[in-house]
Amino acid sequence: MDFSLFAHMERLTPDQEHRDLRMELISLAKMADDGGMRAVWTGEHHGMDFTIAPNPFLTLVDLSHHTKNVQLGTGTIVAPFWHPIKLAGEAAAADLITAGRIELGIARGAYSYEYERLIPGMDAWEAGQRMRETTPLLRQLWEGDCAHEGEFYQFPSTTSAPKPVQKGGPPIWIAARDINSHAFGVDNGFNIQVTPLWQGIQEIEDLMSKFNEVCATSENPRPKIMLLHHTYVATDDVDAMVAANELSKFYNYFGAWFKNARPVKQGLIEALTDEELAGNKMMSQENMLRDLTIGTAQEVIDQIKRYEDLGYDEYAFWIDSGMDFERKRASLSRFIDDVMPAFS
C-alpha cells in the first residue's frame, strides 16, 4: 500500500491571506515528502475559494522547489477546460521542470458552477465525452506527430513541445465512478482513482467491484487503483467527534457548491445557517464518523487494512476539511508517525 497526500489551498473566510494559505500548502507537502509519502496531489478549480487551484501545474512546480522525492500529481485536471495540445504541452513542461515527477490525474469535472462560466451550455455528459476524446491523444502527442479529427477537436499534425522527461510521458490516472469510466481507463492502460466521498465502506467495496469486473474482461494488464478519502487521525474519541463535526460542515458546503443554487461573492459562497447545517441529516456528524476514515491511529490502521485487503494499491489522505492548519498538520503528523509504519 502506497500513501499520498491530497491537498489544496482552502479559504473559508475573507480575512485569510492567500499568501498564508500557499505557505500552509507548502508545509503540508514538505511533511508528506519528509514522511515518505509517494505523491502529493492537487486539483483544478476556478473562481472558488472553497478550493483554490486554477492551474495545478503551477502549484506542482511551486511544490517541486520545496520537496525532493514525492511524485507531484494533478488530482485532477478538468479535461474539457483544456485543448489536447495545450494539456500535452503544459504537462510535459511541468514534467521537464520537476525532473520527471509529474503524474496526470484527469476527470470530466463536477461543478456546474465552473461549466457555466468556462464552457456555457456544457453538461456532465459532454464533459465526459470531451475527456474521453482528449486523454488518449496525450500519449500520441508526447510520442510524435499526431493529427486528429474528432467530435470536439480537430487539428493537423502536431507534437508536444517540449517532450516529457518520463518515457512514454507522465503516468495517467482516470477519475472513475461508473463502470464505463472504469472500462475507459483500464482499456486504455490508464490507472484509476476513485473517490467515494461520504458514502462509506459499501461504496468503497462497490467501486473496487466495478474495477475488478472490468479488469477480468480486459486484455490489458491490471493498472493501479487509488482510493481518495477524507482522513483524520485523532488523539482520542473526543477529538474524533470534533473532526467529524468539521467534516460535516465541509460536506454541507461541498453539496452547496455542487447544487450551484446559492449566491457567490468574491469566491465565497453565501454562508449556511446553523439550521441548514443541522437539517442535513445525510451529512450528519454521526454519518461522517461512521463513513469516513476518522479515528485514533489504531482505528485508522484497521480501516485502511480493510481497504488494502480489498485490493487498493494507494491510499490518498484527503486533508481538505475546513479545519485550521494546526489541526490538519497534527493529524497528518500522526498519520505519518503512527499509521504508515503499520504498512511498511
C-alpha atoms as a PDB file:
ATOM      1  CA  MET A   1       0.000   0.000   0.000  1.00  0.00           C
ATOM      2  CA  ASP A   2       1.378   3.358  -1.072  1.00  0.00           C
ATOM      3  CA  PHE A   3       0.312   6.596   0.631  1.00  0.00           C
ATOM      4  CA  SER A   4      -0.127  10.068  -0.773  1.00  0.00           C
ATOM      5  CA  LEU A   5      -1.481  13.466   0.241  1.00  0.00           C
ATOM      6  CA  PHE A   6      -4.365  15.250  -1.494  1.00  0.00           C
ATOM      7  CA  ALA A   7      -4.471  18.968  -0.666  1.00  0.00           C
ATOM      8  CA  HIS A   8      -5.456  22.419  -1.905  1.00  0.00           C
ATOM      9  CA  MET A   9      -5.338  25.985  -0.757  1.00  0.00           C
ATOM     10  CA  GLU A  10      -8.629  26.206   1.128  1.00  0.00           C
ATOM     11  CA  ARG A  11     -10.026  29.641   2.026  1.00  0.00           C
ATOM     12  CA  LEU A  12     -13.002  29.825   4.364  1.00  0.00           C
ATOM     13  CA  THR A  13     -13.230  33.496   5.344  1.00  0.00           C
ATOM     14  CA  PRO A  14     -12.265  36.828   3.720  1.00  0.00           C
ATOM     15  CA  ASP A  15      -9.671  37.554   6.390  1.00  0.00           C
ATOM     16  CA  GLN A  16      -7.411  34.671   5.309  1.00  0.00           C
ATOM     17  CA  GLU A  17      -4.462  35.798   3.185  1.00  0.00           C
ATOM     18  CA  HIS A  18      -3.728  33.781   0.062  1.00  0.00           C
ATOM     19  CA  ARG A  19      -0.004  34.121   0.797  1.00  0.00           C
ATOM     20  CA  ASP A  20      -0.518  32.358   4.134  1.00  0.00           C
ATOM     21  CA  LEU A  21      -2.576  29.607   2.519  1.00  0.00           C
ATOM     22  CA  ARG A  22       0.204  28.968  -0.002  1.00  0.00           C
ATOM     23  CA  MET A  23       2.774  28.594   2.761  1.00  0.00           C
ATOM     24  CA  GLU A  24       0.481  26.192   4.620  1.00  0.00           C
ATOM     25  CA  LEU A  25       0.119  24.048   1.496  1.00  0.00           C
ATOM     26  CA  ILE A  26       3.894  24.022   1.047  1.00  0.00           C
ATOM     27  CA  SER A  27       4.328  22.998   4.687  1.00  0.00           C
ATOM     28  CA  LEU A  28       1.930  20.050   4.311  1.00  0.00           C
ATOM     29  CA  ALA A  29       3.662  18.951   1.100  1.00  0.00           C
ATOM     30  CA  LYS A  30       7.051  19.047   2.842  1.00  0.00           C
ATOM     31  CA  MET A  31       5.644  16.900   5.643  1.00  0.00           C
ATOM     32  CA  ALA A  32       4.427  14.374   3.085  1.00  0.00           C
ATOM     33  CA  ASP A  33       7.810  14.375   1.362  1.00  0.00           C
ATOM     34  CA  ASP A  34       9.843  14.052   4.565  1.00  0.00           C
ATOM     35  CA  GLY A  35       7.421  11.428   5.889  1.00  0.00           C
ATOM     36  CA  GLY A  36       7.878   9.049   2.959  1.00  0.00           C
ATOM     37  CA  MET A  37       4.601   9.506   1.134  1.00  0.00           C
ATOM     38  CA  ARG A  38       4.711   8.522  -2.531  1.00  0.00           C
ATOM     39  CA  ALA A  39       2.936  11.564  -4.006  1.00  0.00           C
ATOM     40  CA  VAL A  40       1.213  14.877  -3.429  1.00  0.00           C
ATOM     41  CA  TRP A  41      -1.960  15.555  -5.434  1.00  0.00           C
ATOM     42  CA  THR A  42      -3.737  18.848  -6.103  1.00  0.00           C
ATOM     43  CA  GLY A  43      -6.650  19.593  -8.399  1.00  0.00           C
ATOM     44  CA  GLU A  44      -8.144  22.186 -10.719  1.00  0.00           C
ATOM     45  CA  HIS A  45     -10.963  24.579  -9.815  1.00  0.00           C
ATOM     46  CA  HIS A  46     -11.968  28.048 -10.918  1.00  0.00           C
ATOM     47  CA  GLY A  47     -13.468  31.025  -9.116  1.00  0.00           C
ATOM     48  CA  MET A  48     -13.970  29.108  -5.864  1.00  0.00           C
ATOM     49  CA  ASP A  49     -12.147  29.972  -2.654  1.00  0.00           C
ATOM     50  CA  PHE A  50     -13.514  26.670  -1.328  1.00  0.00           C
ATOM     51  CA  THR A  51     -10.828  25.017  -3.468  1.00  0.00           C
ATOM     52  CA  ILE A  52      -8.162  27.330  -4.913  1.00  0.00           C
ATOM     53  CA  ALA A  53      -6.414  25.632  -7.830  1.00  0.00           C
ATOM     54  CA  PRO A  54      -6.771  27.410 -11.204  1.00  0.00           C
ATOM     55  CA  ASN A  55      -3.817  25.538 -12.723  1.00  0.00           C
ATOM     56  CA  PRO A  56      -2.441  22.528 -10.835  1.00  0.00           C
ATOM     57  CA  PHE A  57       0.757  22.541 -12.889  1.00  0.00           C
ATOM     58  CA  LEU A  58       1.687  25.921 -11.415  1.00  0.00           C
ATOM     59  CA  THR A  59       1.052  24.603  -7.911  1.00  0.00           C
ATOM     60  CA  LEU A  60       3.023  21.409  -8.515  1.00  0.00           C
ATOM     61  CA  VAL A  61       6.008  23.238  -9.983  1.00  0.00           C
ATOM     62  CA  ASP A  62       5.924  25.504  -6.922  1.00  0.00           C
ATOM     63  CA  LEU A  63       5.860  22.459  -4.624  1.00  0.00           C
ATOM     64  CA  SER A  64       8.714  20.846  -6.549  1.00  0.00           C
ATOM     65  CA  HIS A  65      11.038  23.584  -5.291  1.00  0.00           C
ATOM     66  CA  HIS A  66      10.213  22.671  -1.685  1.00  0.00           C
ATOM     67  CA  THR A  67      10.227  18.852  -1.925  1.00  0.00           C
ATOM     68  CA  LYS A  68      12.735  16.252  -3.050  1.00  0.00           C
ATOM     69  CA  ASN A  69      11.194  12.845  -3.593  1.00  0.00           C
ATOM     70  CA  VAL A  70       7.402  12.880  -3.857  1.00  0.00           C
ATOM     71  CA  GLN A  71       5.677  12.495  -7.188  1.00  0.00           C
ATOM     72  CA  LEU A  72       3.511  15.509  -7.992  1.00  0.00           C
ATOM     73  CA  GLY A  73       0.067  14.718  -9.362  1.00  0.00           C
ATOM     74  CA  THR A  74      -2.897  16.591 -10.771  1.00  0.00           C
ATOM     75  CA  GLY A  75      -5.875  15.376  -8.831  1.00  0.00           C
ATOM     76  CA  THR A  76      -7.494  16.189 -11.160  1.00  0.00           C
ATOM     77  CA  ILE A  77      -7.189  18.162 -14.386  1.00  0.00           C
ATOM     78  CA  VAL A  78     -10.682  19.038 -15.665  1.00  0.00           C
ATOM     79  CA  ALA A  79     -10.229  17.792 -19.228  1.00  0.00           C
ATOM     80  CA  PRO A  80     -12.930  19.817 -21.042  1.00  0.00           C
ATOM     81  CA  PHE A  81     -11.234  23.055 -19.958  1.00  0.00           C
ATOM     82  CA  TRP A  82      -8.074  22.107 -21.886  1.00  0.00           C
ATOM     83  CA  HIS A  83      -7.322  21.705 -25.573  1.00  0.00           C
ATOM     84  CA  PRO A  84      -5.421  18.406 -26.011  1.00  0.00           C
ATOM     85  CA  ILE A  85      -2.348  20.124 -27.481  1.00  0.00           C
ATOM     86  CA  LYS A  86      -2.228  22.646 -24.644  1.00  0.00           C
ATOM     87  CA  LEU A  87      -2.662  19.939 -21.996  1.00  0.00           C
ATOM     88  CA  ALA A  88       0.035  17.717 -23.515  1.00  0.00           C
ATOM     89  CA  GLY A  89       2.491  20.610 -23.738  1.00  0.00           C
ATOM     90  CA  GLU A  90       1.908  22.001 -20.256  1.00  0.00           C
ATOM     91  CA  ALA A  91       2.062  18.546 -18.647  1.00  0.00           C
ATOM     92  CA  ALA A  92       5.326  17.866 -20.484  1.00  0.00           C
ATOM     93  CA  ALA A  93       6.750  21.249 -19.480  1.00  0.00           C
ATOM     94  CA  ALA A  94       5.876  20.595 -15.831  1.00  0.00           C
ATOM     95  CA  ASP A  95       7.489  17.148 -16.098  1.00  0.00           C
ATOM     96  CA  LEU A  96      10.633  18.763 -17.517  1.00  0.00           C
ATOM     97  CA  ILE A  97      10.812  21.410 -14.789  1.00  0.00           C
ATOM     98  CA  THR A  98      10.219  18.873 -11.987  1.00  0.00           C
ATOM     99  CA  ALA A  99      12.756  16.374 -13.407  1.00  0.00           C
ATOM    100  CA  GLY A 100      10.154  13.731 -14.201  1.00  0.00           C
ATOM    101  CA  ARG A 101       7.956  13.867 -11.109  1.00  0.00           C
ATOM    102  CA  ILE A 102       4.582  14.696 -12.710  1.00  0.00           C
ATOM    103  CA  GLU A 103       1.586  12.347 -12.723  1.00  0.00           C
ATOM    104  CA  LEU A 104      -1.584  13.289 -14.554  1.00  0.00           C
ATOM    105  CA  GLY A 105      -4.969  12.672 -12.965  1.00  0.00           C
ATOM    106  CA  ILE A 106      -7.818  13.551 -15.333  1.00  0.00           C
ATOM    107  CA  ALA A 107     -11.578  13.952 -14.815  1.00  0.00           C
ATOM    108  CA  ARG A 108     -14.614  15.442 -16.507  1.00  0.00           C
ATOM    109  CA  GLY A 109     -15.187  17.885 -13.629  1.00  0.00           C
ATOM    110  CA  ALA A 110     -18.039  18.055 -11.142  1.00  0.00           C
ATOM    111  CA  TYR A 111     -19.251  21.606 -10.613  1.00  0.00           C
ATOM    112  CA  SER A 112     -21.843  23.138 -12.948  1.00  0.00           C
ATOM    113  CA  TYR A 113     -20.743  26.460 -11.398  1.00  0.00           C
ATOM    114  CA  GLU A 114     -17.494  26.068 -13.345  1.00  0.00           C
ATOM    115  CA  TYR A 115     -19.065  24.631 -16.502  1.00  0.00           C
ATOM    116  CA  GLU A 116     -21.400  27.589 -16.969  1.00  0.00           C
ATOM    117  CA  ARG A 117     -18.527  30.063 -16.644  1.00  0.00           C
ATOM    118  CA  LEU A 118     -15.852  28.373 -18.741  1.00  0.00           C
ATOM    119  CA  ILE A 119     -17.936  26.464 -21.318  1.00  0.00           C
ATOM    120  CA  PRO A 120     -21.539  27.738 -21.112  1.00  0.00           C
ATOM    121  CA  GLY A 121     -24.087  25.109 -22.108  1.00  0.00           C
ATOM    122  CA  MET A 122     -21.839  22.126 -21.460  1.00  0.00           C
ATOM    123  CA  ASP A 123     -23.314  19.411 -19.236  1.00  0.00           C
ATOM    124  CA  ALA A 124     -21.674  16.493 -17.445  1.00  0.00           C
ATOM    125  CA  TRP A 125     -22.275  14.105 -20.355  1.00  0.00           C
ATOM    126  CA  GLU A 126     -20.496  16.352 -22.850  1.00  0.00           C
ATOM    127  CA  ALA A 127     -17.712  16.970 -20.333  1.00  0.00           C
ATOM    128  CA  GLY A 128     -17.191  13.222 -20.067  1.00  0.00           C
ATOM    129  CA  GLN A 129     -17.087  12.816 -23.841  1.00  0.00           C
ATOM    130  CA  ARG A 130     -14.520  15.598 -24.127  1.00  0.00           C
ATOM    131  CA  MET A 131     -12.374  13.835 -21.509  1.00  0.00           C
ATOM    132  CA  ARG A 132     -12.581  10.544 -23.422  1.00  0.00           C
ATOM    133  CA  GLU A 133     -11.537  12.232 -26.642  1.00  0.00           C
ATOM    134  CA  THR A 134      -8.676  14.193 -25.099  1.00  0.00           C
ATOM    135  CA  THR A 135      -6.950  11.703 -22.841  1.00  0.00           C
ATOM    136  CA  PRO A 136      -5.845   9.044 -25.380  1.00  0.00           C
ATOM    137  CA  LEU A 137      -4.350  11.823 -27.540  1.00  0.00           C
ATOM    138  CA  LEU A 138      -1.841  12.836 -24.875  1.00  0.00           C
ATOM    139  CA  ARG A 139       0.499   9.874 -25.317  1.00  0.00           C
ATOM    140  CA  GLN A 140       0.353  10.297 -29.097  1.00  0.00           C
ATOM    141  CA  LEU A 141       1.285  13.982 -28.798  1.00  0.00           C
ATOM    142  CA  TRP A 142       4.105  13.168 -26.379  1.00  0.00           C
ATOM    143  CA  GLU A 143       5.404  10.415 -28.673  1.00  0.00           C
ATOM    144  CA  GLY A 144       5.490  12.223 -32.010  1.00  0.00           C
ATOM    145  CA  ASP A 145       3.380  13.873 -34.660  1.00  0.00           C
ATOM    146  CA  CYS A 146      -0.361  13.384 -34.248  1.00  0.00           C
ATOM    147  CA  ALA A 147      -3.252  14.617 -36.412  1.00  0.00           C
ATOM    148  CA  HIS A 148      -6.817  14.372 -35.163  1.00  0.00           C
ATOM    149  CA  GLU A 149     -10.376  14.734 -36.480  1.00  0.00           C
ATOM    150  CA  GLY A 150     -12.780  14.226 -33.601  1.00  0.00           C
ATOM    151  CA  GLU A 151     -16.166  15.373 -32.384  1.00  0.00           C
ATOM    152  CA  PHE A 152     -14.781  18.238 -30.279  1.00  0.00           C
ATOM    153  CA  TYR A 153     -11.209  18.753 -31.502  1.00  0.00           C
ATOM    154  CA  GLN A 154      -9.640  18.830 -34.932  1.00  0.00           C
ATOM    155  CA  PHE A 155      -6.019  19.674 -35.669  1.00  0.00           C
ATOM    156  CA  PRO A 156      -3.337  18.910 -38.273  1.00  0.00           C
ATOM    157  CA  SER A 157      -0.167  17.019 -37.485  1.00  0.00           C
ATOM    158  CA  THR A 158       1.225  18.332 -34.188  1.00  0.00           C
ATOM    159  CA  THR A 159       3.537  17.195 -31.425  1.00  0.00           C
ATOM    160  CA  SER A 160       4.099  18.178 -27.821  1.00  0.00           C
ATOM    161  CA  ALA A 161       6.758  20.824 -27.278  1.00  0.00           C
ATOM    162  CA  PRO A 162       8.589  20.222 -25.031  1.00  0.00           C
ATOM    163  CA  LYS A 163       8.697  16.472 -24.585  1.00  0.00           C
ATOM    164  CA  PRO A 164       8.223  14.992 -21.100  1.00  0.00           C
ATOM    165  CA  VAL A 165      11.183  13.597 -19.184  1.00  0.00           C
ATOM    166  CA  GLN A 166       9.430  10.345 -18.297  1.00  0.00           C
ATOM    167  CA  LYS A 167       9.490   7.709 -21.023  1.00  0.00           C
ATOM    168  CA  GLY A 168       6.013   7.499 -22.510  1.00  0.00           C
ATOM    169  CA  GLY A 169       5.004  10.610 -20.600  1.00  0.00           C
ATOM    170  CA  PRO A 170       3.635  11.086 -17.083  1.00  0.00           C
ATOM    171  CA  PRO A 171       1.522   8.221 -15.704  1.00  0.00           C
ATOM    172  CA  ILE A 172      -2.179   8.914 -16.348  1.00  0.00           C
ATOM    173  CA  TRP A 173      -4.954   8.330 -13.802  1.00  0.00           C
ATOM    174  CA  ILE A 174      -8.665   8.469 -14.644  1.00  0.00           C
ATOM    175  CA  ALA A 175     -11.194   9.535 -12.023  1.00  0.00           C
ATOM    176  CA  ALA A 176     -13.835   6.812 -12.236  1.00  0.00           C
ATOM    177  CA  ARG A 177     -17.192   6.156 -10.625  1.00  0.00           C
ATOM    178  CA  ASP A 178     -19.486   4.269 -13.023  1.00  0.00           C
ATOM    179  CA  ILE A 179     -18.339   1.043 -14.666  1.00  0.00           C
ATOM    180  CA  ASN A 180     -17.995   2.683 -18.091  1.00  0.00           C
ATOM    181  CA  SER A 181     -15.395   5.094 -16.695  1.00  0.00           C
ATOM    182  CA  HIS A 182     -13.507   2.176 -15.158  1.00  0.00           C
ATOM    183  CA  ALA A 183     -13.605   0.399 -18.535  1.00  0.00           C
ATOM    184  CA  PHE A 184     -12.367   3.504 -20.393  1.00  0.00           C
ATOM    185  CA  GLY A 185      -9.406   3.792 -18.049  1.00  0.00           C
ATOM    186  CA  VAL A 186      -8.427   0.130 -17.950  1.00  0.00           C
ATOM    187  CA  ASP A 187      -8.901  -0.431 -21.701  1.00  0.00           C
ATOM    188  CA  ASN A 188      -6.597   2.497 -22.445  1.00  0.00           C
ATOM    189  CA  GLY A 189      -3.925   1.399 -19.978  1.00  0.00           C
ATOM    190  CA  PHE A 190      -4.560   4.215 -17.502  1.00  0.00           C
ATOM    191  CA  ASN A 191      -4.543   3.946 -13.721  1.00  0.00           C
ATOM    192  CA  ILE A 192      -7.798   4.501 -11.807  1.00  0.00           C
ATOM    193  CA  GLN A 193      -8.579   6.945  -8.995  1.00  0.00           C
ATOM    194  CA  VAL A 194     -11.843   6.599  -7.052  1.00  0.00           C
ATOM    195  CA  THR A 195     -13.478   8.940  -4.541  1.00  0.00           C
ATOM    196  CA  PRO A 196     -16.384   7.503  -2.522  1.00  0.00           C
ATOM    197  CA  LEU A 197     -16.917  10.887  -0.804  1.00  0.00           C
ATOM    198  CA  TRP A 198     -19.034  10.402   2.348  1.00  0.00           C
ATOM    199  CA  GLN A 199     -20.703   7.143   1.293  1.00  0.00           C
ATOM    200  CA  GLY A 200     -18.672   4.722   3.390  1.00  0.00           C
ATOM    201  CA  ILE A 201     -17.449   1.168   3.067  1.00  0.00           C
ATOM    202  CA  GLN A 202     -20.304  -0.018   0.836  1.00  0.00           C
ATOM    203  CA  GLU A 203     -19.302   2.487  -1.852  1.00  0.00           C
ATOM    204  CA  ILE A 204     -15.607   1.660  -1.363  1.00  0.00           C
ATOM    205  CA  GLU A 205     -16.401  -2.017  -1.948  1.00  0.00           C
ATOM    206  CA  ASP A 206     -18.657  -1.232  -4.916  1.00  0.00           C
ATOM    207  CA  LEU A 207     -16.002   0.866  -6.659  1.00  0.00           C
ATOM    208  CA  MET A 208     -13.474  -1.928  -6.263  1.00  0.00           C
ATOM    209  CA  SER A 209     -16.017  -4.455  -7.550  1.00  0.00           C
ATOM    210  CA  LYS A 210     -16.512  -2.410 -10.730  1.00  0.00           C
ATOM    211  CA  PHE A 211     -12.752  -2.154 -11.190  1.00  0.00           C
ATOM    212  CA  ASN A 212     -12.275  -5.893 -10.730  1.00  0.00           C
ATOM    213  CA  GLU A 213     -15.115  -6.679 -13.124  1.00  0.00           C
ATOM    214  CA  VAL A 214     -13.528  -4.566 -15.837  1.00  0.00           C
ATOM    215  CA  CYS A 215     -10.024  -5.960 -15.232  1.00  0.00           C
ATOM    216  CA  ALA A 216     -11.343  -9.523 -15.526  1.00  0.00           C
ATOM    217  CA  THR A 217     -12.504  -8.922 -19.098  1.00  0.00           C
ATOM    218  CA  SER A 218      -9.818  -6.515 -20.313  1.00  0.00           C
ATOM    219  CA  GLU A 219      -6.901  -7.627 -22.457  1.00  0.00           C
ATOM    220  CA  ASN A 220      -4.673  -5.075 -20.717  1.00  0.00           C
ATOM    221  CA  PRO A 221      -2.697  -5.763 -17.535  1.00  0.00           C
ATOM    222  CA  ARG A 222      -4.321  -4.641 -14.281  1.00  0.00           C
ATOM    223  CA  PRO A 223      -3.414  -0.999 -13.658  1.00  0.00           C
ATOM    224  CA  LYS A 224      -3.119   0.649 -10.259  1.00  0.00           C
ATOM    225  CA  ILE A 225      -6.173   1.838  -8.348  1.00  0.00           C
ATOM    226  CA  MET A 226      -6.068   4.618  -5.760  1.00  0.00           C
ATOM    227  CA  LEU A 227      -8.620   5.387  -3.055  1.00  0.00           C
ATOM    228  CA  LEU A 228      -9.038   9.055  -2.139  1.00  0.00           C
ATOM    229  CA  HIS A 229     -10.744   9.518   1.230  1.00  0.00           C
ATOM    230  CA  HIS A 230     -11.145  12.135   3.903  1.00  0.00           C
ATOM    231  CA  THR A 231      -8.920  11.167   6.811  1.00  0.00           C
ATOM    232  CA  TYR A 232      -8.360  12.379  10.344  1.00  0.00           C
ATOM    233  CA  VAL A 233      -6.114  10.706  12.909  1.00  0.00           C
ATOM    234  CA  ALA A 234      -7.432  11.706  16.315  1.00  0.00           C
ATOM    235  CA  THR A 235      -5.814  11.809  19.719  1.00  0.00           C
ATOM    236  CA  ASP A 236      -8.924  10.279  21.318  1.00  0.00           C
ATOM    237  CA  ASP A 237     -12.662   9.766  20.795  1.00  0.00           C
ATOM    238  CA  VAL A 238     -13.486  13.354  21.722  1.00  0.00           C
ATOM    239  CA  ASP A 239     -11.042  14.691  19.140  1.00  0.00           C
ATOM    240  CA  ALA A 240     -12.533  12.336  16.547  1.00  0.00           C
ATOM    241  CA  MET A 241     -16.004  13.765  17.210  1.00  0.00           C
ATOM    242  CA  VAL A 242     -14.666  17.296  16.730  1.00  0.00           C
ATOM    243  CA  ALA A 243     -13.198  16.248  13.369  1.00  0.00           C
ATOM    244  CA  ALA A 244     -16.462  14.592  12.343  1.00  0.00           C
ATOM    245  CA  ASN A 245     -18.298  17.832  13.066  1.00  0.00           C
ATOM    246  CA  GLU A 246     -15.787  19.822  10.987  1.00  0.00           C
ATOM    247  CA  LEU A 247     -16.098  17.399   8.088  1.00  0.00           C
ATOM    248  CA  SER A 248     -19.880  17.503   8.355  1.00  0.00           C
ATOM    249  CA  LYS A 249     -19.705  21.255   7.763  1.00  0.00           C
ATOM    250  CA  PHE A 250     -17.215  20.729   4.902  1.00  0.00           C
ATOM    251  CA  TYR A 251     -19.568  18.347   3.104  1.00  0.00           C
ATOM    252  CA  ASN A 252     -22.522  20.665   3.616  1.00  0.00           C
ATOM    253  CA  TYR A 253     -20.563  23.328   1.750  1.00  0.00           C
ATOM    254  CA  PHE A 254     -19.415  20.798  -0.836  1.00  0.00           C
ATOM    255  CA  GLY A 255     -23.061  19.996  -1.505  1.00  0.00           C
ATOM    256  CA  ALA A 256     -23.986  23.678  -1.698  1.00  0.00           C
ATOM    257  CA  TRP A 257     -21.303  24.317  -4.322  1.00  0.00           C
ATOM    258  CA  PHE A 258     -22.408  21.231  -6.245  1.00  0.00           C
ATOM    259  CA  LYS A 259     -26.069  22.341  -6.314  1.00  0.00           C
ATOM    260  CA  ASN A 260     -24.989  25.749  -7.661  1.00  0.00           C
ATOM    261  CA  ALA A 261     -28.026  27.486  -6.186  1.00  0.00           C
ATOM    262  CA  ARG A 262     -26.543  29.918  -3.625  1.00  0.00           C
ATOM    263  CA  PRO A 263     -25.074  33.367  -4.283  1.00  0.00           C
ATOM    264  CA  VAL A 264     -21.280  33.576  -4.549  1.00  0.00           C
ATOM    265  CA  LYS A 265     -19.396  36.796  -3.841  1.00  0.00           C
ATOM    266  CA  GLN A 266     -15.648  37.265  -4.135  1.00  0.00           C
ATOM    267  CA  GLY A 267     -15.179  33.496  -4.459  1.00  0.00           C
ATOM    268  CA  LEU A 268     -17.035  32.684  -1.228  1.00  0.00           C
ATOM    269  CA  ILE A 269     -20.465  31.047  -1.231  1.00  0.00           C
ATOM    270  CA  GLU A 270     -23.211  32.542   0.951  1.00  0.00           C
ATOM    271  CA  ALA A 271     -22.798  31.117   4.451  1.00  0.00           C
ATOM    272  CA  LEU A 272     -25.018  28.235   5.516  1.00  0.00           C
ATOM    273  CA  THR A 273     -27.116  28.856   8.595  1.00  0.00           C
ATOM    274  CA  ASP A 274     -26.941  26.696  11.720  1.00  0.00           C
ATOM    275  CA  GLU A 275     -30.426  25.445  10.871  1.00  0.00           C
ATOM    276  CA  GLU A 276     -29.337  24.374   7.382  1.00  0.00           C
ATOM    277  CA  LEU A 277     -26.294  22.573   8.745  1.00  0.00           C
ATOM    278  CA  ALA A 278     -28.315  20.765  11.395  1.00  0.00           C
ATOM    279  CA  GLY A 279     -31.100  19.900   8.957  1.00  0.00           C
ATOM    280  CA  ASN A 280     -28.901  17.956   6.541  1.00  0.00           C
ATOM    281  CA  LYS A 281     -29.073  14.512   8.125  1.00  0.00           C
ATOM    282  CA  MET A 282     -27.168  12.893   5.257  1.00  0.00           C
ATOM    283  CA  MET A 283     -24.089  14.911   6.240  1.00  0.00           C
ATOM    284  CA  SER A 284     -24.531  14.495   9.982  1.00  0.00           C
ATOM    285  CA  GLN A 285     -21.613  14.276  12.369  1.00  0.00           C
ATOM    286  CA  GLU A 286     -22.578  10.673  13.157  1.00  0.00           C
ATOM    287  CA  ASN A 287     -22.525   9.688   9.487  1.00  0.00           C
ATOM    288  CA  MET A 288     -19.138  11.334   8.961  1.00  0.00           C
ATOM    289  CA  LEU A 289     -17.702   9.401  11.895  1.00  0.00           C
ATOM    290  CA  ARG A 290     -19.152   6.163  10.536  1.00  0.00           C
ATOM    291  CA  ASP A 291     -18.307   6.561   6.846  1.00  0.00           C
ATOM    292  CA  LEU A 292     -15.028   8.500   6.635  1.00  0.00           C
ATOM    293  CA  THR A 293     -11.584   7.361   7.775  1.00  0.00           C
ATOM    294  CA  ILE A 294     -11.693   9.032  11.175  1.00  0.00           C
ATOM    295  CA  GLY A 295     -10.441   7.670  14.492  1.00  0.00           C
ATOM    296  CA  THR A 296      -7.437   7.047  16.657  1.00  0.00           C
ATOM    297  CA  ALA A 297      -4.282   5.762  14.965  1.00  0.00           C
ATOM    298  CA  GLN A 298      -5.204   2.121  15.549  1.00  0.00           C
ATOM    299  CA  GLU A 299      -8.755   2.654  14.300  1.00  0.00           C
ATOM    300  CA  VAL A 300      -7.442   4.314  11.139  1.00  0.00           C
ATOM    301  CA  ILE A 301      -4.940   1.471  10.657  1.00  0.00           C
ATOM    302  CA  ASP A 302      -7.763  -1.054  10.926  1.00  0.00           C
ATOM    303  CA  GLN A 303      -9.859   0.822   8.366  1.00  0.00           C
ATOM    304  CA  ILE A 304      -7.044   1.156   5.847  1.00  0.00           C
ATOM    305  CA  LYS A 305      -6.089  -2.514   6.301  1.00  0.00           C
ATOM    306  CA  ARG A 306      -9.618  -3.272   5.145  1.00  0.00           C
ATOM    307  CA  TYR A 307      -9.122  -1.136   2.028  1.00  0.00           C
ATOM    308  CA  GLU A 308      -5.795  -2.842   1.392  1.00  0.00           C
ATOM    309  CA  ASP A 309      -7.440  -6.256   1.659  1.00  0.00           C
ATOM    310  CA  LEU A 310      -9.976  -5.177  -0.977  1.00  0.00           C
ATOM    311  CA  GLY A 311      -7.087  -4.589  -3.384  1.00  0.00           C
ATOM    312  CA  TYR A 312      -6.412  -0.852  -3.349  1.00  0.00           C
ATOM    313  CA  ASP A 313      -2.821  -0.042  -4.301  1.00  0.00           C
ATOM    314  CA  GLU A 314      -2.664   3.517  -2.982  1.00  0.00           C
ATOM    315  CA  TYR A 315      -4.431   5.445  -0.244  1.00  0.00           C
ATOM    316  CA  ALA A 316      -4.663   9.220  -0.656  1.00  0.00           C
ATOM    317  CA  PHE A 317      -5.121  11.185   2.566  1.00  0.00           C
ATOM    318  CA  TRP A 318      -7.650  13.915   1.650  1.00  0.00           C
ATOM    319  CA  ILE A 319      -6.826  16.743   4.036  1.00  0.00           C
ATOM    320  CA  ASP A 320      -9.203  19.496   2.787  1.00  0.00           C
ATOM    321  CA  SER A 321     -11.673  19.713   5.644  1.00  0.00           C
ATOM    322  CA  GLY A 322     -12.397  23.229   6.850  1.00  0.00           C
ATOM    323  CA  MET A 323     -10.063  22.585   9.786  1.00  0.00           C
ATOM    324  CA  ASP A 324      -7.463  25.126  10.775  1.00  0.00           C
ATOM    325  CA  PHE A 325      -3.898  24.482   9.688  1.00  0.00           C
ATOM    326  CA  GLU A 326      -2.677  23.246  13.066  1.00  0.00           C
ATOM    327  CA  ARG A 327      -5.355  20.540  13.211  1.00  0.00           C
ATOM    328  CA  LYS A 328      -4.514  19.440   9.683  1.00  0.00           C
ATOM    329  CA  ARG A 329      -0.808  19.400  10.476  1.00  0.00           C
ATOM    330  CA  ALA A 330      -1.273  17.437  13.709  1.00  0.00           C
ATOM    331  CA  SER A 331      -3.476  14.820  12.041  1.00  0.00           C
ATOM    332  CA  LEU A 332      -1.040  14.368   9.146  1.00  0.00           C
ATOM    333  CA  SER A 333       1.849  14.072  11.595  1.00  0.00           C
ATOM    334  CA  ARG A 334       0.063  11.301  13.483  1.00  0.00           C
ATOM    335  CA  PHE A 335      -0.742   9.574  10.193  1.00  0.00           C
ATOM    336  CA  ILE A 336       2.913   9.592   9.133  1.00  0.00           C
ATOM    337  CA  ASP A 337       4.309   8.636  12.539  1.00  0.00           C
ATOM    338  CA  ASP A 338       1.682   6.233  13.854  1.00  0.00           C
ATOM    339  CA  VAL A 339      -0.299   4.850  10.897  1.00  0.00           C
ATOM    340  CA  MET A 340       2.050   4.444   7.945  1.00  0.00           C
ATOM    341  CA  PRO A 341       4.627   2.285   9.822  1.00  0.00           C
ATOM    342  CA  ALA A 342       1.950  -0.397  10.215  1.00  0.00           C
ATOM    343  CA  PHE A 343       2.090  -0.893   6.414  1.00  0.00           C
ATOM    344  CA  SER A 344       5.841  -0.850   5.876  1.00  0.00           C
END
